[in-house]
């Protein structure tokens, strides 16, 4: 699942945002912090808050829609959280590939 994987290098589109100026930004994730994604777009580098947006990532050949609140937090903690979710809700393993 994308929640327990690295986001840097993935293609991304901002599907919805509380800030209308950020709606529709597309590019490649070049950096990630606790609350921000840095996206390299055709118009330059853009920084967007994870909690304000819903994203569509191109992940393993598929478009995956992710609510920004789910990916908030430090990347290394998010990876641990994803493994915890798989045990807590007994989600099938294919859900995390």
PDB file of N, CA and C in Angstrom:
ATOM      1  N   UNK A   1       0.841  -1.176   0.000  1.00  0.00           N
ATOM      2  CA  UNK A   1       0.000   0.000   0.000  1.00  0.00           C
ATOM      3  C   UNK A   1       0.889   1.243   0.000  1.00  0.00           C
ATOM      4  N   UNK A   2       0.407   2.252  -0.619  1.00  0.00           N
ATOM      5  CA  UNK A   2       1.184   3.481  -0.775  1.00  0.00           C
ATOM      6  C   UNK A   2       1.513   4.124   0.571  1.00  0.00           C
ATOM      7  N   UNK A   3       0.670   3.911   1.578  1.00  0.00           N
ATOM      8  CA  UNK A   3       0.904   4.530   2.881  1.00  0.00           C
ATOM      9  C   UNK A   3       2.201   4.048   3.502  1.00  0.00           C
ATOM     10  N   UNK A   4       2.586   2.820   3.253  1.00  0.00           N
ATOM     11  CA  UNK A   4       3.817   2.317   3.860  1.00  0.00           C
ATOM     12  C   UNK A   4       4.980   2.277   2.867  1.00  0.00           C
ATOM     13  N   UNK A   5       4.950   3.131   1.866  1.00  0.00           N
ATOM     14  CA  UNK A   5       6.015   3.174   0.879  1.00  0.00           C
ATOM     15  C   UNK A   5       6.539   4.601   0.722  1.00  0.00           C
ATOM     16  N   UNK A   6       7.635   4.725   0.029  1.00  0.00           N
ATOM     17  CA  UNK A   6       8.273   6.015  -0.226  1.00  0.00           C
ATOM     18  C   UNK A   6       7.488   6.789  -1.286  1.00  0.00           C
ATOM     19  N   UNK A   7       7.256   8.068  -1.041  1.00  0.00           N
ATOM     20  CA  UNK A   7       6.520   8.901  -1.997  1.00  0.00           C
ATOM     21  C   UNK A   7       7.453   9.637  -2.954  1.00  0.00           C
ATOM     22  N   UNK A   8       8.696   9.852  -2.535  1.00  0.00           N
ATOM     23  CA  UNK A   8       9.645  10.589  -3.380  1.00  0.00           C
ATOM     24  C   UNK A   8       9.860   9.827  -4.683  1.00  0.00           C
ATOM     25  N   UNK A   9       9.724  10.550  -5.787  1.00  0.00           N
ATOM     26  CA  UNK A   9       9.888   9.957  -7.110  1.00  0.00           C
ATOM     27  C   UNK A   9       8.582   9.603  -7.797  1.00  0.00           C
ATOM     28  N   UNK A  10       7.472   9.603  -7.062  1.00  0.00           N
ATOM     29  CA  UNK A  10       6.182   9.253  -7.657  1.00  0.00           C
ATOM     30  C   UNK A  10       5.570  10.460  -8.372  1.00  0.00           C
ATOM     31  N   UNK A  11       4.853  10.180  -9.449  1.00  0.00           N
ATOM     32  CA  UNK A  11       4.072  11.216 -10.116  1.00  0.00           C
ATOM     33  C   UNK A  11       2.834  11.481  -9.276  1.00  0.00           C
ATOM     34  N   UNK A  12       2.447  12.761  -9.199  1.00  0.00           N
ATOM     35  CA  UNK A  12       1.327  13.124  -8.340  1.00  0.00           C
ATOM     36  C   UNK A  12       0.486  14.220  -8.991  1.00  0.00           C
ATOM     37  N   UNK A  13      -0.795  14.201  -8.686  1.00  0.00           N
ATOM     38  CA  UNK A  13      -1.740  15.237  -9.108  1.00  0.00           C
ATOM     39  C   UNK A  13      -2.536  15.629  -7.880  1.00  0.00           C
ATOM     40  N   UNK A  14      -2.700  16.920  -7.658  1.00  0.00           N
ATOM     41  CA  UNK A  14      -3.547  17.383  -6.556  1.00  0.00           C
ATOM     42  C   UNK A  14      -4.968  17.452  -7.088  1.00  0.00           C
ATOM     43  N   UNK A  15      -5.798  16.551  -6.594  1.00  0.00           N
ATOM     44  CA  UNK A  15      -7.171  16.447  -7.076  1.00  0.00           C
ATOM     45  C   UNK A  15      -8.066  17.512  -6.458  1.00  0.00           C
ATOM     46  N   UNK A  16      -7.975  17.685  -5.144  1.00  0.00           N
ATOM     47  CA  UNK A  16      -8.743  18.718  -4.461  1.00  0.00           C
ATOM     48  C   UNK A  16      -7.845  19.379  -3.416  1.00  0.00           C
ATOM     49  N   UNK A  17      -8.164  20.613  -3.093  1.00  0.00           N
ATOM     50  CA  UNK A  17      -7.397  21.345  -2.100  1.00  0.00           C
ATOM     51  C   UNK A  17      -8.271  22.424  -1.489  1.00  0.00           C
ATOM     52  N   UNK A  18      -7.987  22.748  -0.233  1.00  0.00           N
ATOM     53  CA  UNK A  18      -8.691  23.858   0.395  1.00  0.00           C
ATOM     54  C   UNK A  18      -8.232  25.188  -0.188  1.00  0.00           C
ATOM     55  N   UNK A  19      -7.062  25.195  -0.830  1.00  0.00           N
ATOM     56  CA  UNK A  19      -6.538  26.379  -1.512  1.00  0.00           C
ATOM     57  C   UNK A  19      -6.773  26.202  -3.014  1.00  0.00           C
ATOM     58  N   UNK A  20      -7.679  26.965  -3.614  1.00  0.00           N
ATOM     59  CA  UNK A  20      -8.005  26.787  -5.035  1.00  0.00           C
ATOM     60  C   UNK A  20      -6.799  26.923  -5.967  1.00  0.00           C
ATOM     61  N   UNK A  21      -5.770  27.659  -5.567  1.00  0.00           N
ATOM     62  CA  UNK A  21      -4.585  27.829  -6.410  1.00  0.00           C
ATOM     63  C   UNK A  21      -3.795  26.532  -6.554  1.00  0.00           C
ATOM     64  N   UNK A  22      -3.956  25.621  -5.624  1.00  0.00           N
ATOM     65  CA  UNK A  22      -3.189  24.368  -5.653  1.00  0.00           C
ATOM     66  C   UNK A  22      -3.917  23.250  -6.380  1.00  0.00           C
ATOM     67  N   UNK A  23      -5.196  23.434  -6.636  1.00  0.00           N
ATOM     68  CA  UNK A  23      -5.980  22.422  -7.347  1.00  0.00           C
ATOM     69  C   UNK A  23      -5.407  22.196  -8.745  1.00  0.00           C
ATOM     70  N   UNK A  24      -5.136  20.956  -9.082  1.00  0.00           N
ATOM     71  CA  UNK A  24      -4.660  20.613 -10.421  1.00  0.00           C
ATOM     72  C   UNK A  24      -3.151  20.606 -10.589  1.00  0.00           C
ATOM     73  N   UNK A  25      -2.389  20.925  -9.558  1.00  0.00           N
ATOM     74  CA  UNK A  25      -0.925  20.874  -9.673  1.00  0.00           C
ATOM     75  C   UNK A  25      -0.511  19.430  -9.924  1.00  0.00           C
ATOM     76  N   UNK A  26       0.358  19.244 -10.903  1.00  0.00           N
ATOM     77  CA  UNK A  26       0.832  17.901 -11.240  1.00  0.00           C
ATOM     78  C   UNK A  26       2.342  17.931 -11.416  1.00  0.00           C
ATOM     79  N   UNK A  27       2.975  16.839 -11.069  1.00  0.00           N
ATOM     80  CA  UNK A  27       4.424  16.737 -11.220  1.00  0.00           C
ATOM     81  C   UNK A  27       4.958  15.516 -10.516  1.00  0.00           C
ATOM     82  N   UNK A  28       6.212  15.610 -10.084  1.00  0.00           N
ATOM     83  CA  UNK A  28       6.881  14.500  -9.418  1.00  0.00           C
ATOM     84  C   UNK A  28       7.302  14.944  -8.018  1.00  0.00           C
ATOM     85  N   UNK A  29       7.073  14.081  -7.032  1.00  0.00           N
ATOM     86  CA  UNK A  29       7.456  14.380  -5.652  1.00  0.00           C
ATOM     87  C   UNK A  29       8.981  14.326  -5.553  1.00  0.00           C
ATOM     88  N   UNK A  30       9.585  15.435  -5.085  1.00  0.00           N
ATOM     89  CA  UNK A  30      11.043  15.478  -4.945  1.00  0.00           C
ATOM     90  C   UNK A  30      11.487  15.529  -3.487  1.00  0.00           C
ATOM     91  N   UNK A  31      10.582  15.852  -2.577  1.00  0.00           N
ATOM     92  CA  UNK A  31      10.933  15.864  -1.159  1.00  0.00           C
ATOM     93  C   UNK A  31       9.658  15.733  -0.346  1.00  0.00           C
ATOM     94  N   UNK A  32       9.822  15.216   0.864  1.00  0.00           N
ATOM     95  CA  UNK A  32       8.682  15.037   1.760  1.00  0.00           C
ATOM     96  C   UNK A  32       9.127  15.338   3.185  1.00  0.00           C
ATOM     97  N   UNK A  33       8.328  16.121   3.876  1.00  0.00           N
ATOM     98  CA  UNK A  33       8.554  16.371   5.293  1.00  0.00           C
ATOM     99  C   UNK A  33       7.306  15.936   6.050  1.00  0.00           C
ATOM    100  N   UNK A  34       7.271  16.224   7.325  1.00  0.00           N
ATOM    101  CA  UNK A  34       6.148  15.805   8.160  1.00  0.00           C
ATOM    102  C   UNK A  34       4.803  16.279   7.615  1.00  0.00           C
ATOM    103  N   UNK A  35       4.733  17.536   7.189  1.00  0.00           N
ATOM    104  CA  UNK A  35       3.455  18.113   6.764  1.00  0.00           C
ATOM    105  C   UNK A  35       3.426  18.604   5.322  1.00  0.00           C
ATOM    106  N   UNK A  36       4.531  18.491   4.601  1.00  0.00           N
ATOM    107  CA  UNK A  36       4.611  19.065   3.258  1.00  0.00           C
ATOM    108  C   UNK A  36       5.124  18.059   2.232  1.00  0.00           C
ATOM    109  N   UNK A  37       4.663  18.235   1.001  1.00  0.00           N
ATOM    110  CA  UNK A  37       5.248  17.558  -0.161  1.00  0.00           C
ATOM    111  C   UNK A  37       5.829  18.640  -1.059  1.00  0.00           C
ATOM    112  N   UNK A  38       7.017  18.400  -1.577  1.00  0.00           N
ATOM    113  CA  UNK A  38       7.616  19.297  -2.550  1.00  0.00           C
ATOM    114  C   UNK A  38       7.480  18.617  -3.900  1.00  0.00           C
ATOM    115  N   UNK A  39       6.842  19.331  -4.832  1.00  0.00           N
ATOM    116  CA  UNK A  39       6.524  18.757  -6.146  1.00  0.00           C
ATOM    117  C   UNK A  39       7.236  19.564  -7.223  1.00  0.00           C
ATOM    118  N   UNK A  40       7.932  18.852  -8.100  1.00  0.00           N
ATOM    119  CA  UNK A  40       8.594  19.474  -9.247  1.00  0.00           C
ATOM    120  C   UNK A  40       7.589  19.486 -10.390  1.00  0.00           C
ATOM    121  N   UNK A  41       7.121  20.676 -10.759  1.00  0.00           N
ATOM    122  CA  UNK A  41       6.129  20.821 -11.820  1.00  0.00           C
ATOM    123  C   UNK A  41       6.777  21.479 -13.032  1.00  0.00           C
ATOM    124  N   UNK A  42       6.019  21.588 -14.116  1.00  0.00           N
ATOM    125  CA  UNK A  42       6.550  22.264 -15.306  1.00  0.00           C
ATOM    126  C   UNK A  42       6.759  23.754 -15.055  1.00  0.00           C
ATOM    127  N   UNK A  43       6.090  24.291 -14.017  1.00  0.00           N
ATOM    128  CA  UNK A  43       6.226  25.706 -13.664  1.00  0.00           C
ATOM    129  C   UNK A  43       7.220  25.941 -12.528  1.00  0.00           C
ATOM    130  N   UNK A  44       7.923  24.904 -12.114  1.00  0.00           N
ATOM    131  CA  UNK A  44       8.899  25.032 -11.036  1.00  0.00           C
ATOM    132  C   UNK A  44       8.516  24.199  -9.826  1.00  0.00           C
ATOM    133  N   UNK A  45       9.237  24.430  -8.745  1.00  0.00           N
ATOM    134  CA  UNK A  45       9.022  23.682  -7.508  1.00  0.00           C
ATOM    135  C   UNK A  45       7.843  24.289  -6.732  1.00  0.00           C
ATOM    136  N   UNK A  46       6.929  23.422  -6.295  1.00  0.00           N
ATOM    137  CA  UNK A  46       5.778  23.855  -5.491  1.00  0.00           C
ATOM    138  C   UNK A  46       5.775  23.065  -4.193  1.00  0.00           C
ATOM    139  N   UNK A  47       5.496  23.737  -3.083  1.00  0.00           N
ATOM    140  CA  UNK A  47       5.353  23.084  -1.794  1.00  0.00           C
ATOM    141  C   UNK A  47       3.883  23.113  -1.410  1.00  0.00           C
ATOM    142  N   UNK A  48       3.360  21.959  -1.047  1.00  0.00           N
ATOM    143  CA  UNK A  48       1.948  21.864  -0.678  1.00  0.00           C
ATOM    144  C   UNK A  48       1.819  21.140   0.658  1.00  0.00           C
ATOM    145  N   UNK A  49       0.870  21.594   1.445  1.00  0.00           N
ATOM    146  CA  UNK A  49       0.599  20.954   2.727  1.00  0.00           C
ATOM    147  C   UNK A  49      -0.188  19.670   2.494  1.00  0.00           C
ATOM    148  N   UNK A  50       0.242  18.599   3.118  1.00  0.00           N
ATOM    149  CA  UNK A  50      -0.426  17.305   2.949  1.00  0.00           C
ATOM    150  C   UNK A  50      -1.868  17.350   3.440  1.00  0.00           C
ATOM    151  N   UNK A  51      -2.101  17.997   4.566  1.00  0.00           N
ATOM    152  CA  UNK A  51      -3.425  18.003   5.177  1.00  0.00           C
ATOM    153  C   UNK A  51      -4.473  18.801   4.432  1.00  0.00           C
ATOM    154  N   UNK A  52      -4.054  19.662   3.514  1.00  0.00           N
ATOM    155  CA  UNK A  52      -5.003  20.505   2.781  1.00  0.00           C
ATOM    156  C   UNK A  52      -5.468  19.888   1.469  1.00  0.00           C
ATOM    157  N   UNK A  53      -4.866  18.786   1.060  1.00  0.00           N
ATOM    158  CA  UNK A  53      -5.087  18.279  -0.293  1.00  0.00           C
ATOM    159  C   UNK A  53      -5.474  16.806  -0.302  1.00  0.00           C
ATOM    160  N   UNK A  54      -6.123  16.417  -1.388  1.00  0.00           N
ATOM    161  CA  UNK A  54      -6.311  15.013  -1.742  1.00  0.00           C
ATOM    162  C   UNK A  54      -5.483  14.789  -2.997  1.00  0.00           C
ATOM    163  N   UNK A  55      -4.715  13.699  -3.007  1.00  0.00           N
ATOM    164  CA  UNK A  55      -3.750  13.452  -4.067  1.00  0.00           C
ATOM    165  C   UNK A  55      -4.129  12.235  -4.891  1.00  0.00           C
ATOM    166  N   UNK A  56      -3.652  12.217  -6.129  1.00  0.00           N
ATOM    167  CA  UNK A  56      -3.701  11.024  -6.966  1.00  0.00           C
ATOM    168  C   UNK A  56      -2.255  10.724  -7.327  1.00  0.00           C
ATOM    169  N   UNK A  57      -1.749   9.573  -6.837  1.00  0.00           N
ATOM    170  CA  UNK A  57      -0.382   9.154  -7.117  1.00  0.00           C
ATOM    171  C   UNK A  57      -0.391   8.074  -8.183  1.00  0.00           C
ATOM    172  N   UNK A  58       0.618   8.088  -9.046  1.00  0.00           N
ATOM    173  CA  UNK A  58       0.826   6.985  -9.975  1.00  0.00           C
ATOM    174  C   UNK A  58       1.744   6.019  -9.243  1.00  0.00           C
ATOM    175  N   UNK A  59       1.202   4.880  -8.828  1.00  0.00           N
ATOM    176  CA  UNK A  59       1.909   3.936  -7.969  1.00  0.00           C
ATOM    177  C   UNK A  59       1.786   2.535  -8.536  1.00  0.00           C
ATOM    178  N   UNK A  60       2.917   1.970  -8.897  1.00  0.00           N
ATOM    179  CA  UNK A  60       2.975   0.610  -9.449  1.00  0.00           C
ATOM    180  C   UNK A  60       2.044   0.465 -10.660  1.00  0.00           C
ATOM    181  N   UNK A  61       2.039   1.473 -11.518  1.00  0.00           N
ATOM    182  CA  UNK A  61       1.254   1.418 -12.739  1.00  0.00           C
ATOM    183  C   UNK A  61      -0.227   1.726 -12.564  1.00  0.00           C
ATOM    184  N   UNK A  62      -0.641   2.103 -11.377  1.00  0.00           N
ATOM    185  CA  UNK A  62      -2.049   2.407 -11.126  1.00  0.00           C
ATOM    186  C   UNK A  62      -2.184   3.797 -10.517  1.00  0.00           C
ATOM    187  N   UNK A  63      -3.324   4.411 -10.746  1.00  0.00           N
ATOM    188  CA  UNK A  63      -3.614   5.693 -10.109  1.00  0.00           C
ATOM    189  C   UNK A  63      -4.290   5.411  -8.774  1.00  0.00           C
ATOM    190  N   UNK A  64      -3.666   5.913  -7.706  1.00  0.00           N
ATOM    191  CA  UNK A  64      -4.163   5.681  -6.352  1.00  0.00           C
ATOM    192  C   UNK A  64      -4.558   7.020  -5.750  1.00  0.00           C
ATOM    193  N   UNK A  65      -5.808   7.132  -5.317  1.00  0.00           N
ATOM    194  CA  UNK A  65      -6.293   8.356  -4.683  1.00  0.00           C
ATOM    195  C   UNK A  65      -6.038   8.249  -3.184  1.00  0.00           C
ATOM    196  N   UNK A  66      -5.425   9.290  -2.625  1.00  0.00           N
ATOM    197  CA  UNK A  66      -5.062   9.292  -1.205  1.00  0.00           C
ATOM    198  C   UNK A  66      -5.484  10.607  -0.566  1.00  0.00           C
ATOM    199  N   UNK A  67      -6.170  10.509   0.542  1.00  0.00           N
ATOM    200  CA  UNK A  67      -6.512  11.696   1.323  1.00  0.00           C
ATOM    201  C   UNK A  67      -5.238  12.155   2.029  1.00  0.00           C
ATOM    202  N   UNK A  68      -4.929  13.428   1.930  1.00  0.00           N
ATOM    203  CA  UNK A  68      -3.690  13.956   2.482  1.00  0.00           C
ATOM    204  C   UNK A  68      -3.501  13.691   3.958  1.00  0.00           C
ATOM    205  N   UNK A  69      -4.579  13.657   4.711  1.00  0.00           N
ATOM    206  CA  UNK A  69      -4.487  13.416   6.153  1.00  0.00           C
ATOM    207  C   UNK A  69      -3.908  12.040   6.457  1.00  0.00           C
ATOM    208  N   UNK A  70      -4.094  11.085   5.547  1.00  0.00           N
ATOM    209  CA  UNK A  70      -3.562   9.735   5.768  1.00  0.00           C
ATOM    210  C   UNK A  70      -2.047   9.667   5.653  1.00  0.00           C
ATOM    211  N   UNK A  71      -1.449  10.588   4.906  1.00  0.00           N
ATOM    212  CA  UNK A  71      -0.002  10.532   4.716  1.00  0.00           C
ATOM    213  C   UNK A  71       0.734  11.583   5.538  1.00  0.00           C
ATOM    214  N   UNK A  72       0.011  12.264   6.427  1.00  0.00           N
ATOM    215  CA  UNK A  72       0.667  13.252   7.287  1.00  0.00           C
ATOM    216  C   UNK A  72       1.568  12.542   8.288  1.00  0.00           C
ATOM    217  N   UNK A  73       2.624  13.218   8.666  1.00  0.00           N
ATOM    218  CA  UNK A  73       3.575  12.659   9.612  1.00  0.00           C
ATOM    219  C   UNK A  73       4.907  12.400   8.930  1.00  0.00           C
ATOM    220  N   UNK A  74       5.900  12.112   9.743  1.00  0.00           N
ATOM    221  CA  UNK A  74       7.224  11.847   9.189  1.00  0.00           C
ATOM    222  C   UNK A  74       7.167  10.577   8.344  1.00  0.00           C
ATOM    223  N   UNK A  75       7.863  10.575   7.220  1.00  0.00           N
ATOM    224  CA  UNK A  75       7.812   9.408   6.331  1.00  0.00           C
ATOM    225  C   UNK A  75       8.151   8.098   7.035  1.00  0.00           C
ATOM    226  N   UNK A  76       9.165   8.114   7.887  1.00  0.00           N
ATOM    227  CA  UNK A  76       9.555   6.879   8.567  1.00  0.00           C
ATOM    228  C   UNK A  76       8.490   6.398   9.549  1.00  0.00           C
ATOM    229  N   UNK A  77       7.751   7.327  10.164  1.00  0.00           N
ATOM    230  CA  UNK A  77       6.663   6.939  11.059  1.00  0.00           C
ATOM    231  C   UNK A  77       5.460   6.433  10.275  1.00  0.00           C
ATOM    232  N   UNK A  78       5.224   7.020   9.120  1.00  0.00           N
ATOM    233  CA  UNK A  78       4.101   6.588   8.277  1.00  0.00           C
ATOM    234  C   UNK A  78       4.281   5.143   7.845  1.00  0.00           C
ATOM    235  N   UNK A  79       5.503   4.753   7.561  1.00  0.00           N
ATOM    236  CA  UNK A  79       5.778   3.379   7.150  1.00  0.00           C
ATOM    237  C   UNK A  79       5.431   2.417   8.290  1.00  0.00           C
ATOM    238  N   UNK A  80       5.823   2.764   9.507  1.00  0.00           N
ATOM    239  CA  UNK A  80       5.487   1.930  10.667  1.00  0.00           C
ATOM    240  C   UNK A  80       3.979   1.878  10.875  1.00  0.00           C
ATOM    241  N   UNK A  81       3.308   3.015  10.699  1.00  0.00           N
ATOM    242  CA  UNK A  81       1.863   3.090  10.889  1.00  0.00           C
ATOM    243  C   UNK A  81       1.147   2.166   9.902  1.00  0.00           C
ATOM    244  N   UNK A  82       1.615   2.116   8.664  1.00  0.00           N
ATOM    245  CA  UNK A  82       1.003   1.246   7.664  1.00  0.00           C
ATOM    246  C   UNK A  82       1.063  -0.211   8.073  1.00  0.00           C
ATOM    247  N   UNK A  83       2.178  -0.633   8.645  1.00  0.00           N
ATOM    248  CA  UNK A  83       2.297  -2.018   9.106  1.00  0.00           C
ATOM    249  C   UNK A  83       1.371  -2.271  10.284  1.00  0.00           C
ATOM    250  N   UNK A  84       1.198  -1.266  11.144  1.00  0.00           N
ATOM    251  CA  UNK A  84       0.291  -1.398  12.280  1.00  0.00           C
ATOM    252  C   UNK A  84      -1.152  -1.552  11.793  1.00  0.00           C
ATOM    253  N   UNK A  85      -1.535  -0.768  10.787  1.00  0.00           N
ATOM    254  CA  UNK A  85      -2.896  -0.846  10.257  1.00  0.00           C
ATOM    255  C   UNK A  85      -3.195  -2.235   9.705  1.00  0.00           C
ATOM    256  N   UNK A  86      -2.205  -2.840   9.035  1.00  0.00           N
ATOM    257  CA  UNK A  86      -2.454  -4.157   8.447  1.00  0.00           C
ATOM    258  C   UNK A  86      -2.742  -5.187   9.525  1.00  0.00           C
ATOM    259  N   UNK A  87      -2.128  -5.058  10.703  1.00  0.00           N
ATOM    260  CA  UNK A  87      -2.375  -5.999  11.797  1.00  0.00           C
ATOM    261  C   UNK A  87      -3.676  -5.655  12.520  1.00  0.00           C
ATOM    262  N   UNK A  88      -3.913  -4.374  12.762  1.00  0.00           N
ATOM    263  CA  UNK A  88      -5.080  -3.947  13.542  1.00  0.00           C
ATOM    264  C   UNK A  88      -6.387  -4.335  12.859  1.00  0.00           C
ATOM    265  N   UNK A  89      -6.484  -4.083  11.564  1.00  0.00           N
ATOM    266  CA  UNK A  89      -7.729  -4.355  10.850  1.00  0.00           C
ATOM    267  C   UNK A  89      -7.680  -5.625  10.024  1.00  0.00           C
ATOM    268  N   UNK A  90      -6.611  -6.379  10.155  1.00  0.00           N
ATOM    269  CA  UNK A  90      -6.451  -7.644   9.435  1.00  0.00           C
ATOM    270  C   UNK A  90      -6.752  -7.490   7.943  1.00  0.00           C
ATOM    271  N   UNK A  91      -6.161  -6.459   7.379  1.00  0.00           N
ATOM    272  CA  UNK A  91      -6.336  -6.222   5.953  1.00  0.00           C
ATOM    273  C   UNK A  91      -5.546  -7.264   5.169  1.00  0.00           C
ATOM    274  N   UNK A  92      -6.040  -7.704   4.026  1.00  0.00           N
ATOM    275  CA  UNK A  92      -5.300  -8.688   3.240  1.00  0.00           C
ATOM    276  C   UNK A  92      -3.964  -8.120   2.760  1.00  0.00           C
ATOM    277  N   UNK A  93      -2.980  -8.991   2.623  1.00  0.00           N
ATOM    278  CA  UNK A  93      -1.625  -8.562   2.265  1.00  0.00           C
ATOM    279  C   UNK A  93      -1.587  -7.862   0.911  1.00  0.00           C
ATOM    280  N   UNK A  94      -2.442  -8.261  -0.050  1.00  0.00           N
ATOM    281  CA  UNK A  94      -2.405  -7.623  -1.363  1.00  0.00           C
ATOM    282  C   UNK A  94      -2.742  -6.138  -1.273  1.00  0.00           C
ATOM    283  N   UNK A  95      -3.426  -5.731  -0.220  1.00  0.00           N
ATOM    284  CA  UNK A  95      -3.778  -4.327  -0.025  1.00  0.00           C
ATOM    285  C   UNK A  95      -2.541  -3.484   0.217  1.00  0.00           C
ATOM    286  N   UNK A  96      -1.456  -4.090   0.692  1.00  0.00           N
ATOM    287  CA  UNK A  96      -0.239  -3.368   1.031  1.00  0.00           C
ATOM    288  C   UNK A  96       0.860  -3.566  -0.003  1.00  0.00           C
ATOM    289  N   UNK A  97       0.546  -3.998  -1.190  1.00  0.00           N
ATOM    290  CA  UNK A  97       1.567  -4.160  -2.239  1.00  0.00           C
ATOM    291  C   UNK A  97       1.473  -3.067  -3.242  1.00  0.00           C
TER     292      UNK A  97
END
